[in-house]
Amino acid sequence: MKLILLGAPGAGKGTVAKLLTKMDGSVQISTGDILRAAVAAGTELGKQAEAAMKAGDLVSDDLIMGIMGERLKEDDCKAGYLLDGFPRTIPQAEALKVLMKDIGEELDMVVDIQVARDVILDRLTTRRTCTDCGEIYNVKSNPPKEEGKCDKCGGPVVQRDDETEEAIGNRLDVFNEQTAPLVGFYEKEGNLVSVDATTSQSVIDAITARLDANK
């Protein structure tokens, strides 16, 4: 299957993507991952992206679409892919539509994961991350056995700078301004599924039901 996962920061896109990839062998693709991979591989587009990031500039849509075009042609995408947090804007969505038409593919669906703002704020402000291995904890539901110390590697477990209440509020405002209009875009395309995400499993169930209905 070929899906786009939409949803605010903290809506659970990454968790849903991991569950879905286990189901059918598709791959999870995020903008951050493909940019890092292109930079690490030293491709021409990767070098241009690295220069932009080092200068503190946003990587242009043209550059992101070029790297995305290369990524979607790789062999592991033949089993399907989930675009996690991409596209972020209407121009990116329009460019992706052209790109997929050029490579002879089309989206199965776009899933809008809806989570209330207060739930996201609570979820992210209580989240803690190991600075060494990246393991994620939650001070309410899944704290490390020893406060401030990772169970897996013993590294320091901290609150990220972008997960304070003020920072998350800013991120949600940016999301609502730039990315939320994508819901209307894909609604017009006729392939949007909106899910009130009480749990990750409820999202999986809604996607599975839609796929079965389309067979």
N, C-alpha and C. Protein backbone atom coordinates (compact mmCIF):
# COMPACT_ATOMS: atom_id res chain seq x y z
N MET A 1 0.83 -1.20 0.00
CA MET A 1 0.00 0.00 0.00
C MET A 1 0.87 1.25 0.00
N LYS A 2 0.29 2.33 -0.50
CA LYS A 2 1.00 3.61 -0.56
C LYS A 2 0.14 4.64 0.17
N LEU A 3 0.64 5.07 1.33
CA LEU A 3 -0.14 5.94 2.21
C LEU A 3 0.61 7.20 2.56
N ILE A 4 -0.16 8.23 2.90
CA ILE A 4 0.38 9.41 3.57
C ILE A 4 -0.26 9.46 4.95
N LEU A 5 0.56 9.67 5.98
CA LEU A 5 0.05 9.85 7.34
C LEU A 5 0.13 11.32 7.71
N LEU A 6 -1.02 11.94 7.90
CA LEU A 6 -1.09 13.33 8.35
C LEU A 6 -1.44 13.35 9.83
N GLY A 7 -0.99 14.38 10.51
CA GLY A 7 -1.32 14.52 11.92
C GLY A 7 -0.35 15.45 12.59
N ALA A 8 -0.81 16.11 13.63
CA ALA A 8 0.03 17.07 14.34
C ALA A 8 1.21 16.38 15.01
N PRO A 9 2.24 17.14 15.40
CA PRO A 9 3.33 16.56 16.19
C PRO A 9 2.74 15.88 17.43
N GLY A 10 3.15 14.64 17.69
CA GLY A 10 2.64 13.93 18.85
C GLY A 10 1.35 13.17 18.61
N ALA A 11 0.86 13.17 17.35
CA ALA A 11 -0.39 12.46 17.05
C ALA A 11 -0.19 10.94 16.98
N GLY A 12 1.08 10.51 16.88
CA GLY A 12 1.35 9.07 16.85
C GLY A 12 1.62 8.52 15.47
N LYS A 13 2.00 9.40 14.52
CA LYS A 13 2.25 8.94 13.13
C LYS A 13 3.34 7.87 13.09
N GLY A 14 4.42 8.11 13.83
CA GLY A 14 5.54 7.16 13.80
C GLY A 14 5.16 5.79 14.31
N THR A 15 4.38 5.76 15.40
CA THR A 15 3.95 4.48 15.98
C THR A 15 3.05 3.73 15.00
N VAL A 16 2.10 4.44 14.39
CA VAL A 16 1.20 3.82 13.42
C VAL A 16 1.98 3.30 12.22
N ALA A 17 2.95 4.10 11.75
CA ALA A 17 3.76 3.69 10.59
C ALA A 17 4.51 2.39 10.87
N LYS A 18 5.09 2.28 12.07
CA LYS A 18 5.84 1.06 12.42
C LYS A 18 4.92 -0.17 12.45
N LEU A 19 3.71 0.00 12.99
CA LEU A 19 2.76 -1.12 13.02
C LEU A 19 2.35 -1.54 11.61
N LEU A 20 2.12 -0.55 10.74
CA LEU A 20 1.69 -0.85 9.37
C LEU A 20 2.78 -1.54 8.56
N THR A 21 4.02 -1.08 8.73
CA THR A 21 5.12 -1.69 7.94
C THR A 21 5.32 -3.16 8.32
N LYS A 22 5.02 -3.50 9.58
CA LYS A 22 5.13 -4.91 10.00
C LYS A 22 4.05 -5.76 9.34
N MET A 23 2.92 -5.13 9.01
CA MET A 23 1.80 -5.87 8.43
C MET A 23 2.06 -6.29 7.00
N ASP A 24 2.66 -5.40 6.20
CA ASP A 24 2.74 -5.72 4.76
C ASP A 24 4.11 -5.53 4.13
N GLY A 25 5.13 -5.25 4.95
CA GLY A 25 6.49 -5.14 4.39
C GLY A 25 6.78 -3.83 3.70
N SER A 26 5.86 -2.86 3.80
CA SER A 26 6.13 -1.54 3.21
C SER A 26 7.17 -0.82 4.05
N VAL A 27 7.69 0.31 3.54
CA VAL A 27 8.73 1.04 4.26
C VAL A 27 8.19 2.40 4.71
N GLN A 28 8.69 2.84 5.87
CA GLN A 28 8.33 4.14 6.43
C GLN A 28 9.34 5.17 5.92
N ILE A 29 8.83 6.26 5.37
CA ILE A 29 9.72 7.30 4.82
C ILE A 29 9.34 8.65 5.42
N SER A 30 10.31 9.30 6.05
CA SER A 30 10.09 10.66 6.54
C SER A 30 11.08 11.59 5.86
N THR A 31 10.73 12.86 5.77
CA THR A 31 11.60 13.83 5.12
C THR A 31 12.97 13.87 5.79
N GLY A 32 12.96 13.85 7.13
CA GLY A 32 14.23 13.89 7.87
C GLY A 32 15.12 12.72 7.53
N ASP A 33 14.51 11.52 7.45
CA ASP A 33 15.29 10.31 7.14
C ASP A 33 15.93 10.39 5.76
N ILE A 34 15.14 10.82 4.76
CA ILE A 34 15.70 10.81 3.40
C ILE A 34 16.74 11.91 3.22
N LEU A 35 16.57 13.03 3.91
CA LEU A 35 17.58 14.09 3.84
C LEU A 35 18.89 13.61 4.46
N ARG A 36 18.80 12.97 5.65
CA ARG A 36 20.00 12.47 6.32
C ARG A 36 20.69 11.41 5.47
N ALA A 37 19.89 10.53 4.86
CA ALA A 37 20.45 9.46 4.03
C ALA A 37 21.15 10.03 2.80
N ALA A 38 20.53 11.04 2.17
CA ALA A 38 21.13 11.65 0.97
C ALA A 38 22.43 12.37 1.32
N VAL A 39 22.45 13.03 2.48
CA VAL A 39 23.67 13.72 2.93
C VAL A 39 24.76 12.69 3.20
N ALA A 40 24.40 11.60 3.91
CA ALA A 40 25.37 10.56 4.27
C ALA A 40 25.92 9.87 3.03
N ALA A 41 25.05 9.69 2.01
CA ALA A 41 25.47 9.02 0.78
C ALA A 41 26.31 9.92 -0.12
N GLY A 42 26.27 11.24 0.16
CA GLY A 42 27.08 12.17 -0.63
C GLY A 42 26.59 12.36 -2.05
N THR A 43 25.27 12.14 -2.29
CA THR A 43 24.73 12.37 -3.63
C THR A 43 24.77 13.87 -3.94
N GLU A 44 24.62 14.19 -5.21
CA GLU A 44 24.64 15.60 -5.60
C GLU A 44 23.54 16.39 -4.88
N LEU A 45 22.32 15.80 -4.84
CA LEU A 45 21.22 16.45 -4.14
C LEU A 45 21.49 16.51 -2.64
N GLY A 46 22.13 15.47 -2.12
CA GLY A 46 22.49 15.44 -0.71
C GLY A 46 23.46 16.55 -0.34
N LYS A 47 24.43 16.80 -1.22
CA LYS A 47 25.41 17.87 -0.98
C LYS A 47 24.72 19.24 -0.96
N GLN A 48 23.76 19.42 -1.87
CA GLN A 48 23.02 20.69 -1.90
C GLN A 48 22.18 20.87 -0.63
N ALA A 49 21.56 19.77 -0.19
CA ALA A 49 20.74 19.82 1.03
C ALA A 49 21.62 20.12 2.25
N GLU A 50 22.79 19.50 2.30
CA GLU A 50 23.71 19.71 3.43
C GLU A 50 24.15 21.17 3.50
N ALA A 51 24.44 21.74 2.34
CA ALA A 51 24.86 23.15 2.31
C ALA A 51 23.76 24.06 2.84
N ALA A 52 22.52 23.77 2.45
CA ALA A 52 21.38 24.58 2.92
C ALA A 52 21.22 24.46 4.42
N MET A 53 21.30 23.21 4.93
CA MET A 53 21.09 22.99 6.37
C MET A 53 22.21 23.63 7.19
N LYS A 54 23.45 23.53 6.70
CA LYS A 54 24.58 24.13 7.42
C LYS A 54 24.46 25.65 7.47
N ALA A 55 23.84 26.22 6.44
CA ALA A 55 23.66 27.67 6.39
C ALA A 55 22.45 28.11 7.22
N GLY A 56 21.73 27.12 7.78
CA GLY A 56 20.55 27.44 8.58
C GLY A 56 19.32 27.73 7.76
N ASP A 57 19.37 27.38 6.47
CA ASP A 57 18.22 27.64 5.59
C ASP A 57 17.30 26.42 5.54
N LEU A 58 16.04 26.65 5.19
CA LEU A 58 15.14 25.55 4.92
C LEU A 58 15.53 24.90 3.59
N VAL A 59 15.45 23.58 3.53
CA VAL A 59 15.73 22.90 2.27
C VAL A 59 14.55 23.16 1.34
N SER A 60 14.83 23.62 0.12
CA SER A 60 13.76 24.02 -0.80
C SER A 60 12.90 22.83 -1.21
N ASP A 61 11.65 23.14 -1.60
CA ASP A 61 10.75 22.09 -2.07
C ASP A 61 11.32 21.34 -3.26
N ASP A 62 11.95 22.07 -4.18
CA ASP A 62 12.53 21.42 -5.37
C ASP A 62 13.55 20.37 -4.97
N LEU A 63 14.39 20.72 -4.00
CA LEU A 63 15.44 19.81 -3.54
C LEU A 63 14.83 18.60 -2.82
N ILE A 64 13.85 18.86 -1.96
CA ILE A 64 13.18 17.76 -1.25
C ILE A 64 12.49 16.83 -2.24
N MET A 65 11.82 17.40 -3.24
CA MET A 65 11.12 16.56 -4.21
C MET A 65 12.11 15.74 -5.04
N GLY A 66 13.27 16.33 -5.35
CA GLY A 66 14.31 15.58 -6.09
C GLY A 66 14.78 14.38 -5.29
N ILE A 67 15.04 14.60 -4.00
CA ILE A 67 15.50 13.51 -3.14
C ILE A 67 14.39 12.48 -2.93
N MET A 68 13.13 12.96 -2.78
CA MET A 68 12.00 12.05 -2.62
C MET A 68 11.81 11.21 -3.88
N GLY A 69 11.99 11.82 -5.05
CA GLY A 69 11.87 11.09 -6.31
C GLY A 69 12.87 9.95 -6.39
N GLU A 70 14.10 10.21 -5.95
CA GLU A 70 15.13 9.16 -5.95
C GLU A 70 14.77 8.06 -4.96
N ARG A 71 14.25 8.47 -3.79
CA ARG A 71 13.94 7.49 -2.74
C ARG A 71 12.81 6.54 -3.15
N LEU A 72 11.78 7.07 -3.80
CA LEU A 72 10.62 6.24 -4.15
C LEU A 72 10.92 5.23 -5.26
N LYS A 73 12.05 5.44 -5.94
CA LYS A 73 12.44 4.50 -7.01
C LYS A 73 13.31 3.36 -6.49
N GLU A 74 13.69 3.41 -5.21
CA GLU A 74 14.55 2.35 -4.66
C GLU A 74 13.76 1.06 -4.50
N ASP A 75 14.49 -0.07 -4.53
CA ASP A 75 13.86 -1.39 -4.56
C ASP A 75 12.93 -1.66 -3.38
N ASP A 76 13.30 -1.16 -2.19
CA ASP A 76 12.48 -1.50 -1.02
C ASP A 76 11.11 -0.84 -1.04
N CYS A 77 10.91 0.11 -1.97
CA CYS A 77 9.60 0.79 -2.08
C CYS A 77 8.62 -0.01 -2.93
N LYS A 78 9.10 -1.07 -3.59
CA LYS A 78 8.22 -1.85 -4.46
C LYS A 78 7.09 -2.51 -3.68
N ALA A 79 7.35 -2.82 -2.39
CA ALA A 79 6.32 -3.45 -1.55
C ALA A 79 5.34 -2.42 -1.00
N GLY A 80 5.59 -1.13 -1.25
CA GLY A 80 4.74 -0.07 -0.74
C GLY A 80 5.49 0.83 0.22
N TYR A 81 4.90 2.00 0.51
CA TYR A 81 5.57 2.93 1.42
C TYR A 81 4.55 3.82 2.13
N LEU A 82 4.99 4.29 3.30
CA LEU A 82 4.18 5.19 4.12
C LEU A 82 4.95 6.49 4.26
N LEU A 83 4.38 7.57 3.81
CA LEU A 83 5.02 8.88 3.94
C LEU A 83 4.59 9.48 5.26
N ASP A 84 5.54 9.59 6.18
CA ASP A 84 5.29 10.01 7.55
C ASP A 84 5.65 11.49 7.70
N GLY A 85 4.61 12.34 7.80
CA GLY A 85 4.87 13.77 7.97
C GLY A 85 5.28 14.47 6.70
N PHE A 86 5.01 13.87 5.57
CA PHE A 86 5.27 14.49 4.26
C PHE A 86 4.11 14.14 3.35
N PRO A 87 3.60 15.07 2.57
CA PRO A 87 4.02 16.47 2.42
C PRO A 87 3.56 17.33 3.61
N ARG A 88 4.20 18.50 3.74
CA ARG A 88 3.87 19.42 4.83
C ARG A 88 3.04 20.62 4.35
N THR A 89 3.08 20.89 3.05
CA THR A 89 2.38 22.07 2.51
C THR A 89 1.65 21.69 1.23
N ILE A 90 0.73 22.55 0.81
CA ILE A 90 -0.02 22.32 -0.44
C ILE A 90 0.93 22.24 -1.65
N PRO A 91 1.91 23.15 -1.80
CA PRO A 91 2.83 23.02 -2.94
C PRO A 91 3.56 21.67 -2.96
N GLN A 92 3.95 21.15 -1.79
CA GLN A 92 4.60 19.85 -1.74
C GLN A 92 3.62 18.75 -2.16
N ALA A 93 2.36 18.87 -1.75
CA ALA A 93 1.34 17.88 -2.11
C ALA A 93 1.12 17.87 -3.63
N GLU A 94 1.09 19.06 -4.22
CA GLU A 94 0.90 19.15 -5.68
C GLU A 94 2.11 18.57 -6.42
N ALA A 95 3.32 18.85 -5.89
CA ALA A 95 4.53 18.32 -6.52
C ALA A 95 4.59 16.79 -6.38
N LEU A 96 4.14 16.27 -5.23
CA LEU A 96 4.13 14.82 -5.02
C LEU A 96 3.17 14.14 -5.98
N LYS A 97 2.03 14.77 -6.24
CA LYS A 97 1.05 14.22 -7.18
C LYS A 97 1.67 14.08 -8.57
N VAL A 98 2.41 15.10 -8.99
CA VAL A 98 3.09 15.06 -10.29
C VAL A 98 4.16 13.98 -10.30
N LEU A 99 4.95 13.92 -9.21
CA LEU A 99 6.02 12.92 -9.12
C LEU A 99 5.47 11.51 -9.22
N MET A 100 4.39 11.21 -8.48
CA MET A 100 3.83 9.86 -8.48
C MET A 100 3.24 9.51 -9.85
N LYS A 101 2.67 10.49 -10.51
CA LYS A 101 2.15 10.24 -11.86
C LYS A 101 3.30 9.92 -12.82
N ASP A 102 4.43 10.64 -12.65
CA ASP A 102 5.60 10.43 -13.50
C ASP A 102 6.17 9.03 -13.34
N ILE A 103 6.11 8.48 -12.10
CA ILE A 103 6.68 7.13 -11.89
C ILE A 103 5.60 6.04 -11.97
N GLY A 104 4.40 6.45 -12.39
CA GLY A 104 3.33 5.48 -12.64
C GLY A 104 2.70 4.88 -11.40
N GLU A 105 2.60 5.68 -10.33
CA GLU A 105 2.02 5.17 -9.09
C GLU A 105 0.93 6.12 -8.60
N GLU A 106 0.07 5.60 -7.72
CA GLU A 106 -0.94 6.48 -7.11
C GLU A 106 -1.16 6.10 -5.65
N LEU A 107 -1.60 7.07 -4.88
CA LEU A 107 -1.82 6.83 -3.45
C LEU A 107 -3.04 5.94 -3.23
N ASP A 108 -2.94 5.04 -2.25
CA ASP A 108 -4.11 4.27 -1.84
C ASP A 108 -5.00 5.12 -0.95
N MET A 109 -4.39 5.85 -0.03
CA MET A 109 -5.18 6.74 0.83
C MET A 109 -4.28 7.69 1.60
N VAL A 110 -4.92 8.71 2.14
CA VAL A 110 -4.27 9.68 3.03
C VAL A 110 -5.00 9.61 4.36
N VAL A 111 -4.28 9.32 5.43
CA VAL A 111 -4.90 9.14 6.74
C VAL A 111 -4.61 10.35 7.62
N ASP A 112 -5.68 11.00 8.04
CA ASP A 112 -5.57 12.16 8.93
C ASP A 112 -5.81 11.68 10.37
N ILE A 113 -4.73 11.62 11.15
CA ILE A 113 -4.81 11.15 12.54
C ILE A 113 -5.16 12.34 13.43
N GLN A 114 -6.37 12.33 13.96
CA GLN A 114 -6.87 13.47 14.74
C GLN A 114 -6.74 13.19 16.24
N VAL A 115 -6.02 14.08 16.91
CA VAL A 115 -5.85 13.97 18.37
C VAL A 115 -6.06 15.36 18.96
N ALA A 116 -6.81 15.45 20.04
CA ALA A 116 -7.11 16.74 20.67
C ALA A 116 -5.82 17.43 21.13
N ARG A 117 -5.81 18.76 21.02
CA ARG A 117 -4.61 19.54 21.37
C ARG A 117 -4.15 19.29 22.81
N ASP A 118 -5.11 19.22 23.76
CA ASP A 118 -4.70 19.03 25.16
C ASP A 118 -4.08 17.65 25.38
N VAL A 119 -4.53 16.65 24.61
CA VAL A 119 -3.94 15.30 24.71
C VAL A 119 -2.50 15.33 24.19
N ILE A 120 -2.29 16.02 23.04
CA ILE A 120 -0.94 16.12 22.48
C ILE A 120 -0.01 16.85 23.45
N LEU A 121 -0.49 17.97 24.03
CA LEU A 121 0.34 18.72 24.98
C LEU A 121 0.73 17.84 26.16
N ASP A 122 -0.23 17.09 26.68
CA ASP A 122 0.06 16.21 27.82
C ASP A 122 1.04 15.11 27.42
N ARG A 123 0.82 14.54 26.22
CA ARG A 123 1.66 13.43 25.74
C ARG A 123 3.11 13.88 25.55
N LEU A 124 3.30 15.05 24.93
CA LEU A 124 4.66 15.48 24.60
C LEU A 124 5.39 16.12 25.77
N THR A 125 4.67 16.84 26.63
CA THR A 125 5.37 17.47 27.76
C THR A 125 5.79 16.44 28.80
N THR A 126 5.19 15.26 28.77
CA THR A 126 5.60 14.21 29.71
C THR A 126 6.55 13.20 29.05
N ARG A 127 6.92 13.46 27.81
CA ARG A 127 7.83 12.56 27.10
C ARG A 127 9.29 12.89 27.45
N ARG A 128 10.10 11.87 27.58
CA ARG A 128 11.53 12.04 27.84
C ARG A 128 12.29 11.14 26.88
N THR A 129 13.48 11.57 26.47
CA THR A 129 14.25 10.86 25.45
C THR A 129 15.68 10.63 25.92
N CYS A 130 16.21 9.43 25.66
CA CYS A 130 17.61 9.14 25.95
C CYS A 130 18.48 9.85 24.92
N THR A 131 19.44 10.65 25.39
CA THR A 131 20.29 11.40 24.45
C THR A 131 21.30 10.49 23.75
N ASP A 132 21.51 9.28 24.27
CA ASP A 132 22.49 8.37 23.65
C ASP A 132 21.87 7.44 22.61
N CYS A 133 20.79 6.73 22.99
CA CYS A 133 20.24 5.73 22.06
C CYS A 133 18.89 6.12 21.46
N GLY A 134 18.29 7.22 21.96
CA GLY A 134 17.02 7.67 21.38
C GLY A 134 15.78 6.99 21.95
N GLU A 135 15.95 6.09 22.92
CA GLU A 135 14.79 5.42 23.54
C GLU A 135 13.86 6.47 24.15
N ILE A 136 12.54 6.26 23.95
CA ILE A 136 11.56 7.25 24.42
C ILE A 136 10.81 6.72 25.65
N TYR A 137 10.65 7.59 26.63
CA TYR A 137 9.93 7.26 27.86
C TYR A 137 8.80 8.27 28.08
N ASN A 138 7.94 7.98 29.05
CA ASN A 138 6.90 8.93 29.46
C ASN A 138 6.85 8.92 30.98
N VAL A 139 6.97 10.09 31.59
CA VAL A 139 7.07 10.14 33.05
C VAL A 139 5.81 9.61 33.73
N LYS A 140 4.67 9.61 33.02
CA LYS A 140 3.43 9.10 33.60
C LYS A 140 3.23 7.61 33.32
N SER A 141 3.34 7.23 32.05
CA SER A 141 2.94 5.87 31.66
C SER A 141 4.11 4.90 31.49
N ASN A 142 5.32 5.43 31.24
CA ASN A 142 6.44 4.53 30.98
C ASN A 142 7.76 5.17 31.41
N PRO A 143 7.91 5.44 32.73
CA PRO A 143 9.15 6.10 33.18
C PRO A 143 10.32 5.13 33.20
N PRO A 144 11.56 5.64 33.08
CA PRO A 144 12.71 4.74 33.26
C PRO A 144 12.74 4.22 34.69
N LYS A 145 13.32 3.02 34.87
CA LYS A 145 13.35 2.41 36.21
C LYS A 145 14.08 3.32 37.20
N GLU A 146 15.18 3.93 36.72
CA GLU A 146 15.92 4.88 37.55
C GLU A 146 15.76 6.26 36.92
N GLU A 147 15.25 7.21 37.69
CA GLU A 147 14.95 8.53 37.13
C GLU A 147 16.16 9.15 36.45
N GLY A 148 15.93 9.60 35.18
CA GLY A 148 16.99 10.28 34.44
C GLY A 148 18.02 9.37 33.80
N LYS A 149 17.79 8.03 33.89
CA LYS A 149 18.78 7.08 33.34
C LYS A 149 18.09 6.04 32.47
N CYS A 150 18.62 5.85 31.26
CA CYS A 150 18.01 4.93 30.29
C CYS A 150 18.12 3.47 30.74
N ASP A 151 17.00 2.74 30.65
CA ASP A 151 17.00 1.31 31.00
C ASP A 151 17.87 0.51 30.04
N LYS A 152 17.92 0.94 28.78
CA LYS A 152 18.59 0.14 27.74
C LYS A 152 20.10 0.35 27.73
N CYS A 153 20.52 1.64 27.77
CA CYS A 153 21.97 1.90 27.59
C CYS A 153 22.60 2.67 28.75
N GLY A 154 21.77 3.11 29.70
CA GLY A 154 22.33 3.84 30.83
C GLY A 154 22.59 5.31 30.56
N GLY A 155 22.23 5.77 29.36
CA GLY A 155 22.46 7.17 28.99
C GLY A 155 21.50 8.11 29.70
N PRO A 156 21.77 9.44 29.62
CA PRO A 156 20.89 10.41 30.27
C PRO A 156 19.54 10.53 29.57
N VAL A 157 18.46 10.53 30.36
CA VAL A 157 17.10 10.67 29.83
C VAL A 157 16.63 12.09 30.17
N VAL A 158 16.31 12.87 29.12
CA VAL A 158 16.01 14.29 29.32
C VAL A 158 14.74 14.71 28.58
N GLN A 159 14.25 15.89 28.93
CA GLN A 159 13.16 16.50 28.16
C GLN A 159 13.78 17.31 27.04
N ARG A 160 13.38 17.02 25.79
CA ARG A 160 13.92 17.75 24.66
C ARG A 160 13.48 19.21 24.69
N ASP A 161 14.36 20.08 24.15
CA ASP A 161 14.05 21.52 24.12
C ASP A 161 12.76 21.82 23.37
N ASP A 162 12.45 20.99 22.35
CA ASP A 162 11.24 21.26 21.55
C ASP A 162 10.01 20.56 22.12
N GLU A 163 10.11 20.04 23.35
CA GLU A 163 8.97 19.37 23.97
C GLU A 163 8.56 20.02 25.29
N THR A 164 8.96 21.28 25.46
CA THR A 164 8.39 22.07 26.55
C THR A 164 7.00 22.54 26.11
N GLU A 165 6.18 22.97 27.04
CA GLU A 165 4.81 23.37 26.69
C GLU A 165 4.79 24.52 25.69
N GLU A 166 5.69 25.50 25.88
CA GLU A 166 5.74 26.65 24.97
C GLU A 166 6.17 26.22 23.57
N ALA A 167 7.21 25.38 23.50
CA ALA A 167 7.72 24.94 22.20
C ALA A 167 6.67 24.10 21.46
N ILE A 168 5.98 23.23 22.18
CA ILE A 168 4.95 22.39 21.54
C ILE A 168 3.80 23.24 21.05
N GLY A 169 3.41 24.24 21.86
CA GLY A 169 2.36 25.16 21.42
C GLY A 169 2.72 25.84 20.12
N ASN A 170 3.98 26.26 20.00
CA ASN A 170 4.46 26.89 18.76
C ASN A 170 4.41 25.91 17.60
N ARG A 171 4.87 24.67 17.84
CA ARG A 171 4.87 23.65 16.78
C ARG A 171 3.46 23.36 16.29
N LEU A 172 2.51 23.30 17.23
CA LEU A 172 1.11 23.04 16.85
C LEU A 172 0.53 24.20 16.06
N ASP A 173 0.90 25.42 16.42
CA ASP A 173 0.42 26.60 15.68
C ASP A 173 0.95 26.58 14.25
N VAL A 174 2.24 26.24 14.09
CA VAL A 174 2.85 26.15 12.75
C VAL A 174 2.16 25.05 11.94
N PHE A 175 1.90 23.91 12.59
CA PHE A 175 1.22 22.81 11.91
C PHE A 175 -0.15 23.24 11.41
N ASN A 176 -0.93 23.91 12.27
CA ASN A 176 -2.28 24.33 11.90
C ASN A 176 -2.26 25.31 10.74
N GLU A 177 -1.22 26.14 10.70
CA GLU A 177 -1.13 27.15 9.65
C GLU A 177 -0.68 26.55 8.32
N GLN A 178 0.33 25.68 8.36
CA GLN A 178 0.96 25.20 7.12
C GLN A 178 0.42 23.86 6.64
N THR A 179 0.19 22.93 7.59
CA THR A 179 -0.07 21.55 7.20
C THR A 179 -1.53 21.16 7.26
N ALA A 180 -2.29 21.72 8.20
CA ALA A 180 -3.71 21.37 8.31
C ALA A 180 -4.48 21.57 6.99
N PRO A 181 -4.17 22.60 6.15
CA PRO A 181 -4.89 22.74 4.88
C PRO A 181 -4.78 21.53 3.95
N LEU A 182 -3.80 20.64 4.21
CA LEU A 182 -3.67 19.43 3.38
C LEU A 182 -4.90 18.54 3.52
N VAL A 183 -5.57 18.62 4.66
CA VAL A 183 -6.78 17.80 4.85
C VAL A 183 -7.81 18.16 3.78
N GLY A 184 -8.03 19.45 3.55
CA GLY A 184 -8.96 19.89 2.52
C GLY A 184 -8.50 19.50 1.13
N PHE A 185 -7.19 19.59 0.89
CA PHE A 185 -6.62 19.22 -0.42
C PHE A 185 -6.93 17.76 -0.74
N TYR A 186 -6.65 16.87 0.21
CA TYR A 186 -6.83 15.44 -0.06
C TYR A 186 -8.30 15.02 0.01
N GLU A 187 -9.12 15.81 0.72
CA GLU A 187 -10.56 15.55 0.73
C GLU A 187 -11.10 15.73 -0.69
N LYS A 188 -10.63 16.79 -1.36
CA LYS A 188 -11.05 17.04 -2.76
C LYS A 188 -10.53 15.95 -3.69
N GLU A 189 -9.35 15.39 -3.36
CA GLU A 189 -8.79 14.31 -4.19
C GLU A 189 -9.59 13.01 -4.02
N GLY A 190 -10.36 12.94 -2.92
CA GLY A 190 -11.23 11.78 -2.71
C GLY A 190 -10.57 10.59 -2.05
N ASN A 191 -9.38 10.79 -1.46
CA ASN A 191 -8.70 9.63 -0.85
C ASN A 191 -8.35 9.85 0.62
N LEU A 192 -9.10 10.74 1.29
CA LEU A 192 -8.82 11.05 2.69
C LEU A 192 -9.64 10.17 3.64
N VAL A 193 -8.96 9.64 4.65
CA VAL A 193 -9.64 8.93 5.74
C VAL A 193 -9.26 9.65 7.03
N SER A 194 -10.26 10.19 7.75
CA SER A 194 -10.00 10.86 9.03
C SER A 194 -10.32 9.91 10.17
N VAL A 195 -9.38 9.80 11.12
CA VAL A 195 -9.54 8.86 12.23
C VAL A 195 -9.36 9.60 13.54
N ASP A 196 -10.35 9.45 14.43
CA ASP A 196 -10.23 9.98 15.79
C ASP A 196 -9.37 8.99 16.56
N ALA A 197 -8.11 9.34 16.76
CA ALA A 197 -7.12 8.37 17.22
C ALA A 197 -7.09 8.23 18.73
N THR A 198 -8.01 7.43 19.26
CA THR A 198 -7.96 7.15 20.69
C THR A 198 -6.76 6.25 21.00
N THR A 199 -6.47 5.31 20.09
CA THR A 199 -5.28 4.45 20.22
C THR A 199 -4.68 4.24 18.84
N SER A 200 -3.43 3.78 18.80
CA SER A 200 -2.80 3.46 17.52
C SER A 200 -3.57 2.36 16.80
N GLN A 201 -4.11 1.40 17.58
CA GLN A 201 -4.84 0.28 16.97
C GLN A 201 -6.11 0.76 16.28
N SER A 202 -6.75 1.80 16.82
CA SER A 202 -7.97 2.31 16.19
C SER A 202 -7.66 2.89 14.81
N VAL A 203 -6.46 3.46 14.66
CA VAL A 203 -6.03 3.98 13.35
C VAL A 203 -5.80 2.82 12.39
N ILE A 204 -5.11 1.77 12.87
CA ILE A 204 -4.83 0.59 12.04
C ILE A 204 -6.15 -0.03 11.57
N ASP A 205 -7.11 -0.16 12.49
CA ASP A 205 -8.41 -0.77 12.15
C ASP A 205 -9.13 0.02 11.06
N ALA A 206 -9.08 1.36 11.16
CA ALA A 206 -9.75 2.21 10.16
C ALA A 206 -9.08 2.07 8.79
N ILE A 207 -7.75 2.00 8.79
CA ILE A 207 -7.01 1.84 7.52
C ILE A 207 -7.32 0.49 6.89
N THR A 208 -7.30 -0.55 7.71
CA THR A 208 -7.56 -1.91 7.21
C THR A 208 -8.97 -2.00 6.62
N ALA A 209 -9.94 -1.40 7.32
CA ALA A 209 -11.34 -1.42 6.84
C ALA A 209 -11.45 -0.72 5.49
N ARG A 210 -10.77 0.40 5.33
CA ARG A 210 -10.82 1.15 4.06
C ARG A 210 -10.16 0.34 2.95
N LEU A 211 -9.04 -0.29 3.24
CA LEU A 211 -8.34 -1.11 2.23
C LEU A 211 -9.22 -2.28 1.79
N ASP A 212 -9.88 -2.92 2.77
CA ASP A 212 -10.76 -4.05 2.45
C ASP A 212 -11.94 -3.59 1.59
N ALA A 213 -12.45 -2.41 1.89
CA ALA A 213 -13.61 -1.87 1.14
C ALA A 213 -13.23 -1.54 -0.30
N ASN A 214 -11.94 -1.20 -0.51
CA ASN A 214 -11.49 -0.82 -1.85
C ASN A 214 -11.08 -2.00 -2.73
N LYS A 215 -11.04 -3.19 -2.13
CA LYS A 215 -10.60 -4.36 -2.91
C LYS A 215 -11.62 -4.75 -3.97
